[in-house]
Amino acid sequence: MKTNSTNYICLLGLLAIWLMACTAPVQRNAIPDSPSLAEPVDPLLANTSWHLVEIYGKPFPSDLVATMTFAEDGVKGSILCNSWQSIGALTAANGRFSFPYIAATTVGCDQIELQKSFGEALTIHAKTYMLKDTFLVIQNDKEETILRFEQLKHVQSPTWNL
């Protein structure tokens, strides 16, 4: 009989632990579902588009495409054959620059390591930015240039008179 009561007490103890685990609040570091700004974007960056010309001190291949656009609904762009968008509170003002997360399409492109380096540069290494002439220079915490973009001039669509 003593074995049955011990088993019963153990079973009740396990049930109590299981119930506490199921009802205890869980803190999750969820990725936000929409972009938001930590502070207003630098007016000189607002509504501008850029194409990548240098990554980690090396010229970005001119036959490949990598872009970044500061739009009203966040920052987005393309890298190789994929598109990306910032998610979460980003900073691009007062010389500070940070992207908490990037959501990207995952089409299999050639040179996937280049795409990965671009994403890591924006989300992990980017700390500051500066504008020089027609260039946006993004630096790491050692003030080394990790990304250099050239501003794209918006081309007005032709008007058709019929």
C-alpha atoms as a PDB file:
ATOM      1  CA  MET A   1       0.000   0.000   0.000  1.00  0.00           C
ATOM      2  CA  LYS A   2       2.888   2.341   0.761  1.00  0.00           C
ATOM      3  CA  THR A   3       4.127   2.035  -2.833  1.00  0.00           C
ATOM      4  CA  ASN A   4       0.730   3.074  -4.223  1.00  0.00           C
ATOM      5  CA  SER A   5       0.537   6.167  -1.993  1.00  0.00           C
ATOM      6  CA  THR A   6       4.132   7.129  -2.927  1.00  0.00           C
ATOM      7  CA  ASN A   7       3.312   6.723  -6.622  1.00  0.00           C
ATOM      8  CA  TYR A   8       0.122   8.752  -6.111  1.00  0.00           C
ATOM      9  CA  ILE A   9       2.045  11.595  -4.396  1.00  0.00           C
ATOM     10  CA  CYS A  10       4.702  11.586  -7.125  1.00  0.00           C
ATOM     11  CA  LEU A  11       1.993  11.658  -9.777  1.00  0.00           C
ATOM     12  CA  LEU A  12       0.272  14.603  -8.077  1.00  0.00           C
ATOM     13  CA  GLY A  13       3.621  16.428  -7.796  1.00  0.00           C
ATOM     14  CA  LEU A  14       4.337  15.934 -11.518  1.00  0.00           C
ATOM     15  CA  LEU A  15       0.819  17.060 -12.382  1.00  0.00           C
ATOM     16  CA  ALA A  16       1.273  20.236 -10.283  1.00  0.00           C
ATOM     17  CA  ILE A  17       4.607  21.014 -11.982  1.00  0.00           C
ATOM     18  CA  TRP A  18       3.067  20.436 -15.409  1.00  0.00           C
ATOM     19  CA  LEU A  19       0.141  22.742 -14.630  1.00  0.00           C
ATOM     20  CA  MET A  20       2.462  25.489 -13.368  1.00  0.00           C
ATOM     21  CA  ALA A  21       4.594  25.202 -16.492  1.00  0.00           C
ATOM     22  CA  CYS A  22       1.538  25.481 -18.726  1.00  0.00           C
ATOM     23  CA  THR A  23       0.134  28.551 -16.984  1.00  0.00           C
ATOM     24  CA  ALA A  24       3.357  30.421 -16.187  1.00  0.00           C
ATOM     25  CA  PRO A  25       3.854  33.565 -18.269  1.00  0.00           C
ATOM     26  CA  VAL A  26       6.479  33.128 -20.937  1.00  0.00           C
ATOM     27  CA  GLN A  27       8.686  36.013 -22.027  1.00  0.00           C
ATOM     28  CA  ARG A  28       9.440  35.793 -25.717  1.00  0.00           C
ATOM     29  CA  ASN A  29      11.683  37.928 -27.846  1.00  0.00           C
ATOM     30  CA  ALA A  30       9.286  38.000 -30.747  1.00  0.00           C
ATOM     31  CA  ILE A  31      10.162  39.759 -33.953  1.00  0.00           C
ATOM     32  CA  PRO A  32       7.766  42.662 -34.436  1.00  0.00           C
ATOM     33  CA  ASP A  33       5.373  42.234 -37.318  1.00  0.00           C
ATOM     34  CA  SER A  34       5.776  45.692 -38.777  1.00  0.00           C
ATOM     35  CA  PRO A  35       8.531  48.244 -39.148  1.00  0.00           C
ATOM     36  CA  SER A  36       8.611  51.179 -36.809  1.00  0.00           C
ATOM     37  CA  LEU A  37      11.082  53.922 -36.269  1.00  0.00           C
ATOM     38  CA  ALA A  38      12.990  54.392 -33.029  1.00  0.00           C
ATOM     39  CA  GLU A  39      13.130  58.068 -33.966  1.00  0.00           C
ATOM     40  CA  PRO A  40      12.300  60.003 -37.117  1.00  0.00           C
ATOM     41  CA  VAL A  41      14.520  59.210 -40.088  1.00  0.00           C
ATOM     42  CA  ASP A  42      17.052  61.856 -41.019  1.00  0.00           C
ATOM     43  CA  PRO A  43      15.227  64.198 -43.441  1.00  0.00           C
ATOM     44  CA  LEU A  44      18.170  63.840 -45.838  1.00  0.00           C
ATOM     45  CA  LEU A  45      17.495  60.077 -46.011  1.00  0.00           C
ATOM     46  CA  ALA A  46      13.688  60.203 -46.146  1.00  0.00           C
ATOM     47  CA  ASN A  47      12.269  59.088 -49.499  1.00  0.00           C
ATOM     48  CA  THR A  48      15.679  58.332 -50.998  1.00  0.00           C
ATOM     49  CA  SER A  49      17.010  55.262 -52.782  1.00  0.00           C
ATOM     50  CA  TRP A  50      20.572  53.965 -52.859  1.00  0.00           C
ATOM     51  CA  HIS A  51      22.575  51.267 -54.621  1.00  0.00           C
ATOM     52  CA  LEU A  52      25.483  49.452 -53.019  1.00  0.00           C
ATOM     53  CA  VAL A  53      28.935  50.206 -54.451  1.00  0.00           C
ATOM     54  CA  GLU A  54      31.193  48.826 -51.695  1.00  0.00           C
ATOM     55  CA  ILE A  55      30.951  46.155 -48.995  1.00  0.00           C
ATOM     56  CA  TYR A  56      33.623  45.704 -46.314  1.00  0.00           C
ATOM     57  CA  GLY A  57      36.127  47.783 -48.300  1.00  0.00           C
ATOM     58  CA  LYS A  58      35.702  45.850 -51.559  1.00  0.00           C
ATOM     59  CA  PRO A  59      33.854  47.079 -54.637  1.00  0.00           C
ATOM     60  CA  PHE A  60      30.418  45.518 -54.979  1.00  0.00           C
ATOM     61  CA  PRO A  61      30.254  43.771 -58.384  1.00  0.00           C
ATOM     62  CA  SER A  62      28.682  46.174 -60.887  1.00  0.00           C
ATOM     63  CA  ASP A  63      26.771  43.333 -62.574  1.00  0.00           C
ATOM     64  CA  LEU A  64      24.895  42.580 -59.302  1.00  0.00           C
ATOM     65  CA  VAL A  65      22.133  44.591 -57.657  1.00  0.00           C
ATOM     66  CA  ALA A  66      21.797  45.665 -54.031  1.00  0.00           C
ATOM     67  CA  THR A  67      19.565  48.588 -53.119  1.00  0.00           C
ATOM     68  CA  MET A  68      18.144  50.352 -50.083  1.00  0.00           C
ATOM     69  CA  THR A  69      15.147  52.714 -50.041  1.00  0.00           C
ATOM     70  CA  PHE A  70      14.012  54.826 -47.103  1.00  0.00           C
ATOM     71  CA  ALA A  71      10.236  54.841 -47.590  1.00  0.00           C
ATOM     72  CA  GLU A  72       7.340  55.946 -45.387  1.00  0.00           C
ATOM     73  CA  ASP A  73       6.612  52.352 -44.370  1.00  0.00           C
ATOM     74  CA  GLY A  74      10.209  51.497 -43.449  1.00  0.00           C
ATOM     75  CA  VAL A  75      13.462  50.694 -45.154  1.00  0.00           C
ATOM     76  CA  LYS A  76      13.524  48.109 -47.912  1.00  0.00           C
ATOM     77  CA  GLY A  77      15.531  47.047 -50.880  1.00  0.00           C
ATOM     78  CA  SER A  78      16.966  44.219 -52.911  1.00  0.00           C
ATOM     79  CA  ILE A  79      20.076  42.086 -52.728  1.00  0.00           C
ATOM     80  CA  LEU A  80      20.972  39.925 -55.706  1.00  0.00           C
ATOM     81  CA  CYS A  81      17.735  38.130 -56.665  1.00  0.00           C
ATOM     82  CA  ASN A  82      15.941  38.714 -53.337  1.00  0.00           C
ATOM     83  CA  SER A  83      14.105  41.589 -51.701  1.00  0.00           C
ATOM     84  CA  TRP A  84      14.300  42.632 -48.047  1.00  0.00           C
ATOM     85  CA  GLN A  85      12.588  44.936 -45.555  1.00  0.00           C
ATOM     86  CA  SER A  86      13.493  46.223 -42.122  1.00  0.00           C
ATOM     87  CA  ILE A  87      11.395  44.914 -39.240  1.00  0.00           C
ATOM     88  CA  GLY A  88      11.263  46.460 -35.793  1.00  0.00           C
ATOM     89  CA  ALA A  89      12.398  49.812 -34.484  1.00  0.00           C
ATOM     90  CA  LEU A  90      15.180  51.073 -36.700  1.00  0.00           C
ATOM     91  CA  THR A  91      17.414  54.084 -36.243  1.00  0.00           C
ATOM     92  CA  ALA A  92      18.696  56.259 -39.082  1.00  0.00           C
ATOM     93  CA  ALA A  93      19.101  59.707 -37.557  1.00  0.00           C
ATOM     94  CA  ASN A  94      21.653  61.895 -35.824  1.00  0.00           C
ATOM     95  CA  GLY A  95      24.494  59.803 -37.223  1.00  0.00           C
ATOM     96  CA  ARG A  96      23.254  56.592 -35.558  1.00  0.00           C
ATOM     97  CA  PHE A  97      22.233  53.645 -37.703  1.00  0.00           C
ATOM     98  CA  SER A  98      20.745  50.305 -36.672  1.00  0.00           C
ATOM     99  CA  PHE A  99      18.399  47.631 -37.986  1.00  0.00           C
ATOM    100  CA  PRO A 100      17.175  45.107 -35.443  1.00  0.00           C
ATOM    101  CA  TYR A 101      15.864  42.641 -38.034  1.00  0.00           C
ATOM    102  CA  ILE A 102      15.539  42.162 -41.758  1.00  0.00           C
ATOM    103  CA  ALA A 103      12.955  39.978 -43.447  1.00  0.00           C
ATOM    104  CA  ALA A 104      14.082  38.748 -46.842  1.00  0.00           C
ATOM    105  CA  THR A 105      12.885  36.494 -49.592  1.00  0.00           C
ATOM    106  CA  THR A 106      14.999  33.378 -49.924  1.00  0.00           C
ATOM    107  CA  VAL A 107      15.195  32.588 -53.605  1.00  0.00           C
ATOM    108  CA  GLY A 108      18.351  30.617 -54.276  1.00  0.00           C
ATOM    109  CA  CYS A 109      20.782  33.070 -55.809  1.00  0.00           C
ATOM    110  CA  ASP A 110      24.366  32.637 -56.818  1.00  0.00           C
ATOM    111  CA  GLN A 111      26.820  34.166 -54.335  1.00  0.00           C
ATOM    112  CA  ILE A 112      24.566  33.600 -51.308  1.00  0.00           C
ATOM    113  CA  GLU A 113      27.518  34.448 -49.020  1.00  0.00           C
ATOM    114  CA  LEU A 114      27.482  37.980 -50.429  1.00  0.00           C
ATOM    115  CA  GLN A 115      23.798  38.270 -49.527  1.00  0.00           C
ATOM    116  CA  LYS A 116      24.524  36.968 -46.033  1.00  0.00           C
ATOM    117  CA  SER A 117      27.374  39.477 -45.584  1.00  0.00           C
ATOM    118  CA  PHE A 118      25.059  42.313 -46.619  1.00  0.00           C
ATOM    119  CA  GLY A 119      22.408  41.264 -44.082  1.00  0.00           C
ATOM    120  CA  GLU A 120      24.966  40.919 -41.288  1.00  0.00           C
ATOM    121  CA  ALA A 121      26.463  44.301 -42.130  1.00  0.00           C
ATOM    122  CA  LEU A 122      23.059  45.983 -41.752  1.00  0.00           C
ATOM    123  CA  THR A 123      21.762  44.100 -38.705  1.00  0.00           C
ATOM    124  CA  ILE A 124      24.909  43.345 -36.700  1.00  0.00           C
ATOM    125  CA  HIS A 125      27.793  45.634 -37.643  1.00  0.00           C
ATOM    126  CA  ALA A 126      26.159  48.933 -38.717  1.00  0.00           C
ATOM    127  CA  LYS A 127      26.393  51.571 -35.979  1.00  0.00           C
ATOM    128  CA  THR A 128      26.769  54.966 -37.642  1.00  0.00           C
ATOM    129  CA  TYR A 129      26.246  56.649 -40.982  1.00  0.00           C
ATOM    130  CA  MET A 130      27.319  59.793 -42.772  1.00  0.00           C
ATOM    131  CA  LEU A 131      26.385  61.446 -46.021  1.00  0.00           C
ATOM    132  CA  LYS A 132      29.256  62.482 -48.308  1.00  0.00           C
ATOM    133  CA  ASP A 133      28.308  64.100 -51.594  1.00  0.00           C
ATOM    134  CA  THR A 134      26.054  61.509 -53.270  1.00  0.00           C
ATOM    135  CA  PHE A 135      27.165  58.663 -50.987  1.00  0.00           C
ATOM    136  CA  LEU A 136      25.702  57.093 -47.855  1.00  0.00           C
ATOM    137  CA  VAL A 137      28.551  55.606 -45.819  1.00  0.00           C
ATOM    138  CA  ILE A 138      27.666  53.096 -43.090  1.00  0.00           C
ATOM    139  CA  GLN A 139      30.293  52.322 -40.466  1.00  0.00           C
ATOM    140  CA  ASN A 140      30.847  49.832 -37.662  1.00  0.00           C
ATOM    141  CA  ASP A 141      31.672  50.683 -34.045  1.00  0.00           C
ATOM    142  CA  LYS A 142      35.360  51.162 -35.007  1.00  0.00           C
ATOM    143  CA  GLU A 143      34.342  53.808 -37.573  1.00  0.00           C
ATOM    144  CA  GLU A 144      35.384  51.527 -40.454  1.00  0.00           C
ATOM    145  CA  THR A 145      33.295  51.729 -43.613  1.00  0.00           C
ATOM    146  CA  ILE A 146      31.336  48.511 -44.015  1.00  0.00           C
ATOM    147  CA  LEU A 147      28.824  49.615 -46.665  1.00  0.00           C
ATOM    148  CA  ARG A 148      28.932  52.464 -49.140  1.00  0.00           C
ATOM    149  CA  PHE A 149      25.890  53.331 -51.231  1.00  0.00           C
ATOM    150  CA  GLU A 150      25.500  55.816 -54.043  1.00  0.00           C
ATOM    151  CA  GLN A 151      22.221  57.705 -54.289  1.00  0.00           C
ATOM    152  CA  LEU A 152      19.907  56.707 -57.094  1.00  0.00           C
ATOM    153  CA  LYS A 153      18.315  59.558 -58.968  1.00  0.00           C
ATOM    154  CA  HIS A 154      14.605  59.052 -59.381  1.00  0.00           C
ATOM    155  CA  VAL A 155      13.664  58.879 -63.013  1.00  0.00           C
ATOM    156  CA  GLN A 156      10.296  60.387 -63.794  1.00  0.00           C
ATOM    157  CA  SER A 157       7.999  58.117 -65.744  1.00  0.00           C
ATOM    158  CA  PRO A 158       7.255  59.278 -69.277  1.00  0.00           C
ATOM    159  CA  THR A 159       3.908  60.906 -69.870  1.00  0.00           C
ATOM    160  CA  TRP A 160       1.866  59.447 -72.681  1.00  0.00           C
ATOM    161  CA  ASN A 161      -0.564  61.649 -74.582  1.00  0.00           C
ATOM    162  CA  LEU A 162      -3.083  59.673 -76.576  1.00  0.00           C
END
